[in-house]
Amino acid sequence: GIKMNGERFQVKIVSSASRAQDGRELACLMLSPVPDRQSQEQKLK
């Protein structure tokens, strides 16, 4: 992921297909940040 300030971060994206009432095909994206290794190591410590 790329934030407005240029910072980059890892993200998991789950996409599912749907259809709008007017017939348009849509893709619904659900995003969740992936904890970085440093935060996980800190959690363990």
ModelCIF file with pLDDT and N, C-alpha, C, O atoms, coordinates in Angstrom:
data_MODEL
#
_entry.id   MODEL 
#
_entity.id                         1 
_entity.type                       polymer 
_entity.pdbx_number_of_molecules   1 
#
_entity_poly.entity_id                      1 
_entity_poly.type                           'polypeptide(L)' 
_entity_poly.nstd_linkage                   no 
_entity_poly.nstd_monomer                   no 
_entity_poly.pdbx_seq_one_letter_code       GIKMNGERFQVKIVSSASRAQDGRELACLMLSPVPDRQSQEQKLK 
_entity_poly.pdbx_seq_one_letter_code_can   GIKMNGERFQVKIVSSASRAQDGRELACLMLSPVPDRQSQEQKLK 
_entity_poly.pdbx_strand_id                 A 
#
loop_
_entity_poly_seq.entity_id 
_entity_poly_seq.num 
_entity_poly_seq.mon_id 
_entity_poly_seq.hetero 
1 1  GLY n 
1 2  ILE n 
1 3  LYS n 
1 4  MET n 
1 5  ASN n 
1 6  GLY n 
1 7  GLU n 
1 8  ARG n 
1 9  PHE n 
1 10 GLN n 
1 11 VAL n 
1 12 LYS n 
1 13 ILE n 
1 14 VAL n 
1 15 SER n 
1 16 SER n 
1 17 ALA n 
1 18 SER n 
1 19 ARG n 
1 20 ALA n 
1 21 GLN n 
1 22 ASP n 
1 23 GLY n 
1 24 ARG n 
1 25 GLU n 
1 26 LEU n 
1 27 ALA n 
1 28 CYS n 
1 29 LEU n 
1 30 MET n 
1 31 LEU n 
1 32 SER n 
1 33 PRO n 
1 34 VAL n 
1 35 PRO n 
1 36 ASP n 
1 37 ARG n 
1 38 GLN n 
1 39 SER n 
1 40 GLN n 
1 41 GLU n 
1 42 GLN n 
1 43 LYS n 
1 44 LEU n 
1 45 LYS n 
#
_struct_asym.id          A 
_struct_asym.entity_id   1 
#
loop_
_ma_qa_metric.id 
_ma_qa_metric.mode 
_ma_qa_metric.name 
_ma_qa_metric.software_group_id 
_ma_qa_metric.type 
1 global pLDDT . pLDDT 
2 local  pLDDT . pLDDT 
#
_ma_qa_metric_global.metric_id      1 
_ma_qa_metric_global.metric_value   72.51 
_ma_qa_metric_global.model_id       1 
_ma_qa_metric_global.ordinal_id     1 
#
loop_
_ma_qa_metric_local.label_asym_id 
_ma_qa_metric_local.label_comp_id 
_ma_qa_metric_local.label_seq_id 
_ma_qa_metric_local.metric_id 
_ma_qa_metric_local.metric_value 
_ma_qa_metric_local.model_id 
_ma_qa_metric_local.ordinal_id 
A GLY 1  2 80.00 1 1  
A ILE 2  2 85.00 1 2  
A LYS 3  2 87.00 1 3  
A MET 4  2 86.00 1 4  
A ASN 5  2 88.00 1 5  
A GLY 6  2 86.00 1 6  
A GLU 7  2 85.00 1 7  
A ARG 8  2 82.00 1 8  
A PHE 9  2 79.00 1 9  
A GLN 10 2 78.00 1 10 
A VAL 11 2 79.00 1 11 
A LYS 12 2 77.00 1 12 
A ILE 13 2 75.00 1 13 
A VAL 14 2 75.00 1 14 
A SER 15 2 73.00 1 15 
A SER 16 2 71.00 1 16 
A ALA 17 2 69.00 1 17 
A SER 18 2 66.00 1 18 
A ARG 19 2 66.00 1 19 
A ALA 20 2 64.00 1 20 
A GLN 21 2 70.00 1 21 
A ASP 22 2 73.00 1 22 
A GLY 23 2 70.00 1 23 
A ARG 24 2 70.00 1 24 
A GLU 25 2 68.00 1 25 
A LEU 26 2 65.00 1 26 
A ALA 27 2 66.00 1 27 
A CYS 28 2 71.00 1 28 
A LEU 29 2 71.00 1 29 
A MET 30 2 76.00 1 30 
A LEU 31 2 73.00 1 31 
A SER 32 2 75.00 1 32 
A PRO 33 2 75.00 1 33 
A VAL 34 2 70.00 1 34 
A PRO 35 2 64.00 1 35 
A ASP 36 2 60.00 1 36 
A ARG 37 2 57.00 1 37 
A GLN 38 2 58.00 1 38 
A SER 39 2 62.00 1 39 
A GLN 40 2 66.00 1 40 
A GLU 41 2 68.00 1 41 
A GLN 42 2 68.00 1 42 
A LYS 43 2 71.00 1 43 
A LEU 44 2 72.00 1 44 
A LYS 45 2 73.00 1 45 
#
loop_
_atom_site.group_PDB 
_atom_site.id 
_atom_site.type_symbol 
_atom_site.label_atom_id 
_atom_site.label_alt_id 
_atom_site.label_comp_id 
_atom_site.label_asym_id 
_atom_site.label_entity_id 
_atom_site.label_seq_id 
_atom_site.pdbx_PDB_ins_code 
_atom_site.Cartn_x 
_atom_site.Cartn_y 
_atom_site.Cartn_z 
_atom_site.occupancy 
_atom_site.B_iso_or_equiv 
_atom_site.pdbx_formal_charge 
_atom_site.auth_seq_id 
_atom_site.auth_comp_id 
_atom_site.auth_asym_id 
_atom_site.auth_atom_id 
_atom_site.pdbx_PDB_model_num 
ATOM 1   N N  . GLY A 1 1  ? 0.833   -1.195  0.000   1.00 80.00 ? 1  GLY A N  1 
ATOM 2   C CA . GLY A 1 1  ? 0.000   0.000   0.000   1.00 80.00 ? 1  GLY A CA 1 
ATOM 3   C C  . GLY A 1 1  ? 0.867   1.245   0.000   1.00 80.00 ? 1  GLY A C  1 
ATOM 4   O O  . GLY A 1 1  ? 1.970   1.243   0.548   1.00 80.00 ? 1  GLY A O  1 
ATOM 5   N N  . ILE A 1 2  ? 0.366   2.315   -0.618  1.00 85.00 ? 2  ILE A N  1 
ATOM 6   C CA . ILE A 1 2  ? 1.116   3.570   -0.705  1.00 85.00 ? 2  ILE A CA 1 
ATOM 7   C C  . ILE A 1 2  ? 0.257   4.682   -0.116  1.00 85.00 ? 2  ILE A C  1 
ATOM 8   O O  . ILE A 1 2  ? -0.795  5.016   -0.662  1.00 85.00 ? 2  ILE A O  1 
ATOM 9   N N  . LYS A 1 3  ? 0.707   5.254   0.999   1.00 87.00 ? 3  LYS A N  1 
ATOM 10  C CA . LYS A 1 3  ? -0.037  6.338   1.631   1.00 87.00 ? 3  LYS A CA 1 
ATOM 11  C C  . LYS A 1 3  ? 0.199   7.655   0.887   1.00 87.00 ? 3  LYS A C  1 
ATOM 12  O O  . LYS A 1 3  ? 1.092   7.763   0.047   1.00 87.00 ? 3  LYS A O  1 
ATOM 13  N N  . MET A 1 4  ? -0.609  8.632   1.212   1.00 86.00 ? 4  MET A N  1 
ATOM 14  C CA . MET A 1 4  ? -0.499  9.920   0.541   1.00 86.00 ? 4  MET A CA 1 
ATOM 15  C C  . MET A 1 4  ? 0.881   10.543  0.748   1.00 86.00 ? 4  MET A C  1 
ATOM 16  O O  . MET A 1 4  ? 1.388   11.237  -0.133  1.00 86.00 ? 4  MET A O  1 
ATOM 17  N N  . ASN A 1 5  ? 1.489   10.296  1.914   1.00 88.00 ? 5  ASN A N  1 
ATOM 18  C CA . ASN A 1 5  ? 2.820   10.850  2.190   1.00 88.00 ? 5  ASN A CA 1 
ATOM 19  C C  . ASN A 1 5  ? 3.957   10.024  1.598   1.00 88.00 ? 5  ASN A C  1 
ATOM 20  O O  . ASN A 1 5  ? 5.129   10.327  1.826   1.00 88.00 ? 5  ASN A O  1 
ATOM 21  N N  . GLY A 1 6  ? 3.613   8.970   0.828   1.00 86.00 ? 6  GLY A N  1 
ATOM 22  C CA . GLY A 1 6  ? 4.622   8.144   0.190   1.00 86.00 ? 6  GLY A CA 1 
ATOM 23  C C  . GLY A 1 6  ? 5.058   6.935   1.003   1.00 86.00 ? 6  GLY A C  1 
ATOM 24  O O  . GLY A 1 6  ? 5.784   6.077   0.501   1.00 86.00 ? 6  GLY A O  1 
ATOM 25  N N  . GLU A 1 7  ? 4.622   6.861   2.246   1.00 85.00 ? 7  GLU A N  1 
ATOM 26  C CA . GLU A 1 7  ? 4.994   5.708   3.088   1.00 85.00 ? 7  GLU A CA 1 
ATOM 27  C C  . GLU A 1 7  ? 4.379   4.436   2.526   1.00 85.00 ? 7  GLU A C  1 
ATOM 28  O O  . GLU A 1 7  ? 3.218   4.423   2.117   1.00 85.00 ? 7  GLU A O  1 
ATOM 29  N N  . ARG A 1 8  ? 5.168   3.369   2.509   1.00 82.00 ? 8  ARG A N  1 
ATOM 30  C CA . ARG A 1 8  ? 4.704   2.073   2.001   1.00 82.00 ? 8  ARG A CA 1 
ATOM 31  C C  . ARG A 1 8  ? 4.514   1.085   3.146   1.00 82.00 ? 8  ARG A C  1 
ATOM 32  O O  . ARG A 1 8  ? 5.245   1.109   4.136   1.00 82.00 ? 8  ARG A O  1 
ATOM 33  N N  . PHE A 1 9  ? 3.525   0.223   2.990   1.00 79.00 ? 9  PHE A N  1 
ATOM 34  C CA . PHE A 1 9  ? 3.234   -0.771  4.021   1.00 79.00 ? 9  PHE A CA 1 
ATOM 35  C C  . PHE A 1 9  ? 2.623   -1.993  3.353   1.00 79.00 ? 9  PHE A C  1 
ATOM 36  O O  . PHE A 1 9  ? 2.015   -1.893  2.288   1.00 79.00 ? 9  PHE A O  1 
ATOM 37  N N  . GLN A 1 10 ? 2.791   -3.160  3.995   1.00 78.00 ? 10 GLN A N  1 
ATOM 38  C CA . GLN A 1 10 ? 2.249   -4.397  3.457   1.00 78.00 ? 10 GLN A CA 1 
ATOM 39  C C  . GLN A 1 10 ? 0.759   -4.506  3.796   1.00 78.00 ? 10 GLN A C  1 
ATOM 40  O O  . GLN A 1 10 ? 0.331   -4.170  4.901   1.00 78.00 ? 10 GLN A O  1 
ATOM 41  N N  . VAL A 1 11 ? -0.006  -4.976  2.833   1.00 79.00 ? 11 VAL A N  1 
ATOM 42  C CA . VAL A 1 11 ? -1.446  -5.064  3.029   1.00 79.00 ? 11 VAL A CA 1 
ATOM 43  C C  . VAL A 1 11 ? -1.985  -6.345  2.398   1.00 79.00 ? 11 VAL A C  1 
ATOM 44  O O  . VAL A 1 11 ? -1.518  -6.765  1.339   1.00 79.00 ? 11 VAL A O  1 
ATOM 45  N N  . LYS A 1 12 ? -2.964  -6.961  3.048   1.00 77.00 ? 12 LYS A N  1 
ATOM 46  C CA . LYS A 1 12 ? -3.660  -8.120  2.493   1.00 77.00 ? 12 LYS A CA 1 
ATOM 47  C C  . LYS A 1 12 ? -4.989  -7.637  1.924   1.00 77.00 ? 12 LYS A C  1 
ATOM 48  O O  . LYS A 1 12 ? -5.722  -6.895  2.579   1.00 77.00 ? 12 LYS A O  1 
ATOM 49  N N  . ILE A 1 13 ? -5.296  -8.065  0.693   1.00 75.00 ? 13 ILE A N  1 
ATOM 50  C CA . ILE A 1 13 ? -6.509  -7.605  0.019   1.00 75.00 ? 13 ILE A CA 1 
ATOM 51  C C  . ILE A 1 13 ? -7.364  -8.810  -0.364  1.00 75.00 ? 13 ILE A C  1 
ATOM 52  O O  . ILE A 1 13 ? -6.887  -9.760  -0.984  1.00 75.00 ? 13 ILE A O  1 
ATOM 53  N N  . VAL A 1 14 ? -8.636  -8.746  0.022   1.00 75.00 ? 14 VAL A N  1 
ATOM 54  C CA . VAL A 1 14 ? -9.601  -9.768  -0.373  1.00 75.00 ? 14 VAL A CA 1 
ATOM 55  C C  . VAL A 1 14 ? -10.640 -9.095  -1.265  1.00 75.00 ? 14 VAL A C  1 
ATOM 56  O O  . VAL A 1 14 ? -11.280 -8.123  -0.864  1.00 75.00 ? 14 VAL A O  1 
ATOM 57  N N  . SER A 1 15 ? -10.800 -9.616  -2.465  1.00 73.00 ? 15 SER A N  1 
ATOM 58  C CA . SER A 1 15 ? -11.709 -9.029  -3.446  1.00 73.00 ? 15 SER A CA 1 
ATOM 59  C C  . SER A 1 15 ? -12.834 -10.010 -3.774  1.00 73.00 ? 15 SER A C  1 
ATOM 60  O O  . SER A 1 15 ? -12.592 -11.204 -3.950  1.00 73.00 ? 15 SER A O  1 
ATOM 61  N N  . SER A 1 16 ? -14.061 -9.503  -3.855  1.00 71.00 ? 16 SER A N  1 
ATOM 62  C CA . SER A 1 16 ? -15.204 -10.328 -4.245  1.00 71.00 ? 16 SER A CA 1 
ATOM 63  C C  . SER A 1 16 ? -16.027 -9.582  -5.281  1.00 71.00 ? 16 SER A C  1 
ATOM 64  O O  . SER A 1 16 ? -16.118 -8.355  -5.250  1.00 71.00 ? 16 SER A O  1 
ATOM 65  N N  . ALA A 1 17 ? -16.626 -10.332 -6.198  1.00 69.00 ? 17 ALA A N  1 
ATOM 66  C CA . ALA A 1 17 ? -17.408 -9.737  -7.289  1.00 69.00 ? 17 ALA A CA 1 
ATOM 67  C C  . ALA A 1 17 ? -18.851 -9.527  -6.861  1.00 69.00 ? 17 ALA A C  1 
ATOM 68  O O  . ALA A 1 17 ? -19.412 -10.330 -6.114  1.00 69.00 ? 17 ALA A O  1 
ATOM 69  N N  . SER A 1 18 ? -19.444 -8.447  -7.337  1.00 66.00 ? 18 SER A N  1 
ATOM 70  C CA . SER A 1 18 ? -20.866 -8.176  -7.094  1.00 66.00 ? 18 SER A CA 1 
ATOM 71  C C  . SER A 1 18 ? -21.410 -7.413  -8.298  1.00 66.00 ? 18 SER A C  1 
ATOM 72  O O  . SER A 1 18 ? -20.662 -7.024  -9.195  1.00 66.00 ? 18 SER A O  1 
ATOM 73  N N  . ARG A 1 19 ? -22.721 -7.207  -8.301  1.00 66.00 ? 19 ARG A N  1 
ATOM 74  C CA . ARG A 1 19 ? -23.345 -6.504  -9.416  1.00 66.00 ? 19 ARG A CA 1 
ATOM 75  C C  . ARG A 1 19 ? -24.268 -5.414  -8.867  1.00 66.00 ? 19 ARG A C  1 
ATOM 76  O O  . ARG A 1 19 ? -25.086 -5.666  -7.982  1.00 66.00 ? 19 ARG A O  1 
ATOM 77  N N  . ALA A 1 20 ? -24.125 -4.200  -9.406  1.00 64.00 ? 20 ALA A N  1 
ATOM 78  C CA . ALA A 1 20 ? -24.966 -3.079  -8.991  1.00 64.00 ? 20 ALA A CA 1 
ATOM 79  C C  . ALA A 1 20 ? -26.371 -3.234  -9.562  1.00 64.00 ? 20 ALA A C  1 
ATOM 80  O O  . ALA A 1 20 ? -26.602 -4.048  -10.456 1.00 64.00 ? 20 ALA A O  1 
ATOM 81  N N  . GLN A 1 21 ? -27.310 -2.440  -9.032  1.00 70.00 ? 21 GLN A N  1 
ATOM 82  C CA . GLN A 1 21 ? -28.696 -2.520  -9.493  1.00 70.00 ? 21 GLN A CA 1 
ATOM 83  C C  . GLN A 1 21 ? -28.831 -2.163  -10.964 1.00 70.00 ? 21 GLN A C  1 
ATOM 84  O O  . GLN A 1 21 ? -29.741 -2.640  -11.641 1.00 70.00 ? 21 GLN A O  1 
ATOM 85  N N  . ASP A 1 22 ? -27.925 -1.323  -11.461 1.00 73.00 ? 22 ASP A N  1 
ATOM 86  C CA . ASP A 1 22 ? -28.000 -0.943  -12.877 1.00 73.00 ? 22 ASP A CA 1 
ATOM 87  C C  . ASP A 1 22 ? -27.285 -1.952  -13.781 1.00 73.00 ? 22 ASP A C  1 
ATOM 88  O O  . ASP A 1 22 ? -27.155 -1.724  -14.984 1.00 73.00 ? 22 ASP A O  1 
ATOM 89  N N  . GLY A 1 23 ? -26.821 -3.068  -13.204 1.00 70.00 ? 23 GLY A N  1 
ATOM 90  C CA . GLY A 1 23 ? -26.188 -4.107  -14.011 1.00 70.00 ? 23 GLY A CA 1 
ATOM 91  C C  . GLY A 1 23 ? -24.687 -4.028  -14.088 1.00 70.00 ? 23 GLY A C  1 
ATOM 92  O O  . GLY A 1 23 ? -24.046 -4.920  -14.643 1.00 70.00 ? 23 GLY A O  1 
ATOM 93  N N  . ARG A 1 24 ? -24.114 -2.975  -13.541 1.00 70.00 ? 24 ARG A N  1 
ATOM 94  C CA . ARG A 1 24 ? -22.656 -2.841  -13.598 1.00 70.00 ? 24 ARG A CA 1 
ATOM 95  C C  . ARG A 1 24 ? -21.989 -3.874  -12.701 1.00 70.00 ? 24 ARG A C  1 
ATOM 96  O O  . ARG A 1 24 ? -22.467 -4.156  -11.602 1.00 70.00 ? 24 ARG A O  1 
ATOM 97  N N  . GLU A 1 25 ? -20.864 -4.444  -13.186 1.00 68.00 ? 25 GLU A N  1 
ATOM 98  C CA . GLU A 1 25 ? -20.097 -5.378  -12.372 1.00 68.00 ? 25 GLU A CA 1 
ATOM 99  C C  . GLU A 1 25 ? -19.128 -4.607  -11.484 1.00 68.00 ? 25 GLU A C  1 
ATOM 100 O O  . GLU A 1 25 ? -18.401 -3.728  -11.947 1.00 68.00 ? 25 GLU A O  1 
ATOM 101 N N  . LEU A 1 26 ? -19.134 -4.953  -10.207 1.00 65.00 ? 26 LEU A N  1 
ATOM 102 C CA . LEU A 1 26 ? -18.308 -4.258  -9.241  1.00 65.00 ? 26 LEU A CA 1 
ATOM 103 C C  . LEU A 1 26 ? -17.356 -5.233  -8.549  1.00 65.00 ? 26 LEU A C  1 
ATOM 104 O O  . LEU A 1 26 ? -17.630 -6.430  -8.457  1.00 65.00 ? 26 LEU A O  1 
ATOM 105 N N  . ALA A 1 27 ? -16.250 -4.706  -8.072  1.00 66.00 ? 27 ALA A N  1 
ATOM 106 C CA . ALA A 1 27 ? -15.316 -5.491  -7.265  1.00 66.00 ? 27 ALA A CA 1 
ATOM 107 C C  . ALA A 1 27 ? -15.223 -4.833  -5.902  1.00 66.00 ? 27 ALA A C  1 
ATOM 108 O O  . ALA A 1 27 ? -14.876 -3.657  -5.798  1.00 66.00 ? 27 ALA A O  1 
ATOM 109 N N  . CYS A 1 28 ? -15.529 -5.582  -4.867  1.00 71.00 ? 28 CYS A N  1 
ATOM 110 C CA . CYS A 1 28 ? -15.467 -5.075  -3.499  1.00 71.00 ? 28 CYS A CA 1 
ATOM 111 C C  . CYS A 1 28 ? -14.133 -5.509  -2.882  1.00 71.00 ? 28 CYS A C  1 
ATOM 112 O O  . CYS A 1 28 ? -13.857 -6.704  -2.766  1.00 71.00 ? 28 CYS A O  1 
ATOM 113 N N  . LEU A 1 29 ? -13.311 -4.536  -2.487  1.00 71.00 ? 29 LEU A N  1 
ATOM 114 C CA . LEU A 1 29 ? -11.982 -4.827  -1.928  1.00 71.00 ? 29 LEU A CA 1 
ATOM 115 C C  . LEU A 1 29 ? -11.985 -4.569  -0.425  1.00 71.00 ? 29 LEU A C  1 
ATOM 116 O O  . LEU A 1 29 ? -12.381 -3.496  0.032   1.00 71.00 ? 29 LEU A O  1 
ATOM 117 N N  . MET A 1 30 ? -11.540 -5.558  0.332   1.00 76.00 ? 30 MET A N  1 
ATOM 118 C CA . MET A 1 30 ? -11.383 -5.405  1.785   1.00 76.00 ? 30 MET A CA 1 
ATOM 119 C C  . MET A 1 30 ? -9.897  -5.486  2.089   1.00 76.00 ? 30 MET A C  1 
ATOM 120 O O  . MET A 1 30 ? -9.245  -6.486  1.789   1.00 76.00 ? 30 MET A O  1 
ATOM 121 N N  . LEU A 1 31 ? -9.372  -4.435  2.682   1.00 73.00 ? 31 LEU A N  1 
ATOM 122 C CA . LEU A 1 31 ? -7.938  -4.331  2.928   1.00 73.00 ? 31 LEU A CA 1 
ATOM 123 C C  . LEU A 1 31 ? -7.635  -4.395  4.419   1.00 73.00 ? 31 LEU A C  1 
ATOM 124 O O  . LEU A 1 31 ? -8.361  -3.827  5.236   1.00 73.00 ? 31 LEU A O  1 
ATOM 125 N N  . SER A 1 32 ? -6.563  -5.088  4.764   1.00 75.00 ? 32 SER A N  1 
ATOM 126 C CA . SER A 1 32 ? -6.121  -5.118  6.156   1.00 75.00 ? 32 SER A CA 1 
ATOM 127 C C  . SER A 1 32 ? -4.601  -5.074  6.181   1.00 75.00 ? 32 SER A C  1 
ATOM 128 O O  . SER A 1 32 ? -3.952  -5.874  5.507   1.00 75.00 ? 32 SER A O  1 
ATOM 129 N N  . PRO A 1 33 ? -4.018  -4.150  6.948   1.00 75.00 ? 33 PRO A N  1 
ATOM 130 C CA . PRO A 1 33 ? -2.558  -4.054  7.027   1.00 75.00 ? 33 PRO A CA 1 
ATOM 131 C C  . PRO A 1 33 ? -1.963  -5.327  7.615   1.00 75.00 ? 33 PRO A C  1 
ATOM 132 O O  . PRO A 1 33 ? -2.552  -5.947  8.501   1.00 75.00 ? 33 PRO A O  1 
ATOM 133 N N  . VAL A 1 34 ? -0.791  -5.709  7.114   1.00 70.00 ? 34 VAL A N  1 
ATOM 134 C CA . VAL A 1 34 ? -0.077  -6.869  7.642   1.00 70.00 ? 34 VAL A CA 1 
ATOM 135 C C  . VAL A 1 34 ? 0.953   -6.357  8.644   1.00 70.00 ? 34 VAL A C  1 
ATOM 136 O O  . VAL A 1 34 ? 1.798   -5.538  8.282   1.00 70.00 ? 34 VAL A O  1 
ATOM 137 N N  . PRO A 1 35 ? 0.903   -6.825  9.909   1.00 64.00 ? 35 PRO A N  1 
ATOM 138 C CA . PRO A 1 35 ? 1.885   -6.349  10.898  1.00 64.00 ? 35 PRO A CA 1 
ATOM 139 C C  . PRO A 1 35 ? 3.308   -6.615  10.421  1.00 64.00 ? 35 PRO A C  1 
ATOM 140 O O  . PRO A 1 35 ? 3.605   -7.699  9.920   1.00 64.00 ? 35 PRO A O  1 
ATOM 141 N N  . ASP A 1 36 ? 4.187   -5.626  10.574  1.00 60.00 ? 36 ASP A N  1 
ATOM 142 C CA . ASP A 1 36 ? 5.561   -5.824  10.121  1.00 60.00 ? 36 ASP A CA 1 
ATOM 143 C C  . ASP A 1 36 ? 6.336   -6.698  11.104  1.00 60.00 ? 36 ASP A C  1 
ATOM 144 O O  . ASP A 1 36 ? 5.921   -6.897  12.245  1.00 60.00 ? 36 ASP A O  1 
ATOM 145 N N  . ARG A 1 37 ? 7.450   -7.205  10.643  1.00 57.00 ? 37 ARG A N  1 
ATOM 146 C CA . ARG A 1 37 ? 8.231   -8.157  11.445  1.00 57.00 ? 37 ARG A CA 1 
ATOM 147 C C  . ARG A 1 37 ? 8.695   -7.535  12.748  1.00 57.00 ? 37 ARG A C  1 
ATOM 148 O O  . ARG A 1 37 ? 8.732   -8.198  13.784  1.00 57.00 ? 37 ARG A O  1 
ATOM 149 N N  . GLN A 1 38 ? 9.053   -6.246  12.691  1.00 58.00 ? 38 GLN A N  1 
ATOM 150 C CA . GLN A 1 38 ? 9.567   -5.600  13.891  1.00 58.00 ? 38 GLN A CA 1 
ATOM 151 C C  . GLN A 1 38 ? 8.514   -5.563  14.981  1.00 58.00 ? 38 GLN A C  1 
ATOM 152 O O  . GLN A 1 38 ? 8.825   -5.810  16.146  1.00 58.00 ? 38 GLN A O  1 
ATOM 153 N N  . SER A 1 39 ? 7.259   -5.255  14.623  1.00 62.00 ? 39 SER A N  1 
ATOM 154 C CA . SER A 1 39 ? 6.205   -5.198  15.628  1.00 62.00 ? 39 SER A CA 1 
ATOM 155 C C  . SER A 1 39 ? 5.923   -6.573  16.202  1.00 62.00 ? 39 SER A C  1 
ATOM 156 O O  . SER A 1 39 ? 5.630   -6.701  17.391  1.00 62.00 ? 39 SER A O  1 
ATOM 157 N N  . GLN A 1 40 ? 6.006   -7.608  15.368  1.00 66.00 ? 40 GLN A N  1 
ATOM 158 C CA . GLN A 1 40 ? 5.779   -8.946  15.875  1.00 66.00 ? 40 GLN A CA 1 
ATOM 159 C C  . GLN A 1 40 ? 6.904   -9.388  16.798  1.00 66.00 ? 40 GLN A C  1 
ATOM 160 O O  . GLN A 1 40 ? 6.650   -10.039 17.811  1.00 66.00 ? 40 GLN A O  1 
ATOM 161 N N  . GLU A 1 41 ? 8.145   -9.044  16.463  1.00 68.00 ? 41 GLU A N  1 
ATOM 162 C CA . GLU A 1 41 ? 9.251   -9.385  17.341  1.00 68.00 ? 41 GLU A CA 1 
ATOM 163 C C  . GLU A 1 41 ? 9.125   -8.634  18.657  1.00 68.00 ? 41 GLU A C  1 
ATOM 164 O O  . GLU A 1 41 ? 9.430   -9.185  19.714  1.00 68.00 ? 41 GLU A O  1 
ATOM 165 N N  . GLN A 1 42 ? 8.674   -7.370  18.604  1.00 68.00 ? 42 GLN A N  1 
ATOM 166 C CA . GLN A 1 42 ? 8.500   -6.603  19.828  1.00 68.00 ? 42 GLN A CA 1 
ATOM 167 C C  . GLN A 1 42 ? 7.411   -7.228  20.682  1.00 68.00 ? 42 GLN A C  1 
ATOM 168 O O  . GLN A 1 42 ? 7.520   -7.281  21.907  1.00 68.00 ? 42 GLN A O  1 
ATOM 169 N N  . LYS A 1 43 ? 6.363   -7.700  20.027  1.00 71.00 ? 43 LYS A N  1 
ATOM 170 C CA . LYS A 1 43 ? 5.291   -8.386  20.746  1.00 71.00 ? 43 LYS A CA 1 
ATOM 171 C C  . LYS A 1 43 ? 5.832   -9.605  21.479  1.00 71.00 ? 43 LYS A C  1 
ATOM 172 O O  . LYS A 1 43 ? 5.472   -9.863  22.627  1.00 71.00 ? 43 LYS A O  1 
ATOM 173 N N  . LEU A 1 44 ? 6.697   -10.349 20.804  1.00 72.00 ? 44 LEU A N  1 
ATOM 174 C CA . LEU A 1 44 ? 7.274   -11.544 21.410  1.00 72.00 ? 44 LEU A CA 1 
ATOM 175 C C  . LEU A 1 44 ? 8.203   -11.168 22.563  1.00 72.00 ? 44 LEU A C  1 
ATOM 176 O O  . LEU A 1 44 ? 8.154   -11.797 23.621  1.00 72.00 ? 44 LEU A O  1 
ATOM 177 N N  . LYS A 1 45 ? 9.046   -10.158 22.377  1.00 73.00 ? 45 LYS A N  1 
ATOM 178 C CA . LYS A 1 45 ? 9.969   -9.747  23.421  1.00 73.00 ? 45 LYS A CA 1 
ATOM 179 C C  . LYS A 1 45 ? 9.212   -9.257  24.660  1.00 73.00 ? 45 LYS A C  1 
ATOM 180 O O  . LYS A 1 45 ? 9.833   -8.868  25.649  1.00 73.00 ? 45 LYS A O  1 
#
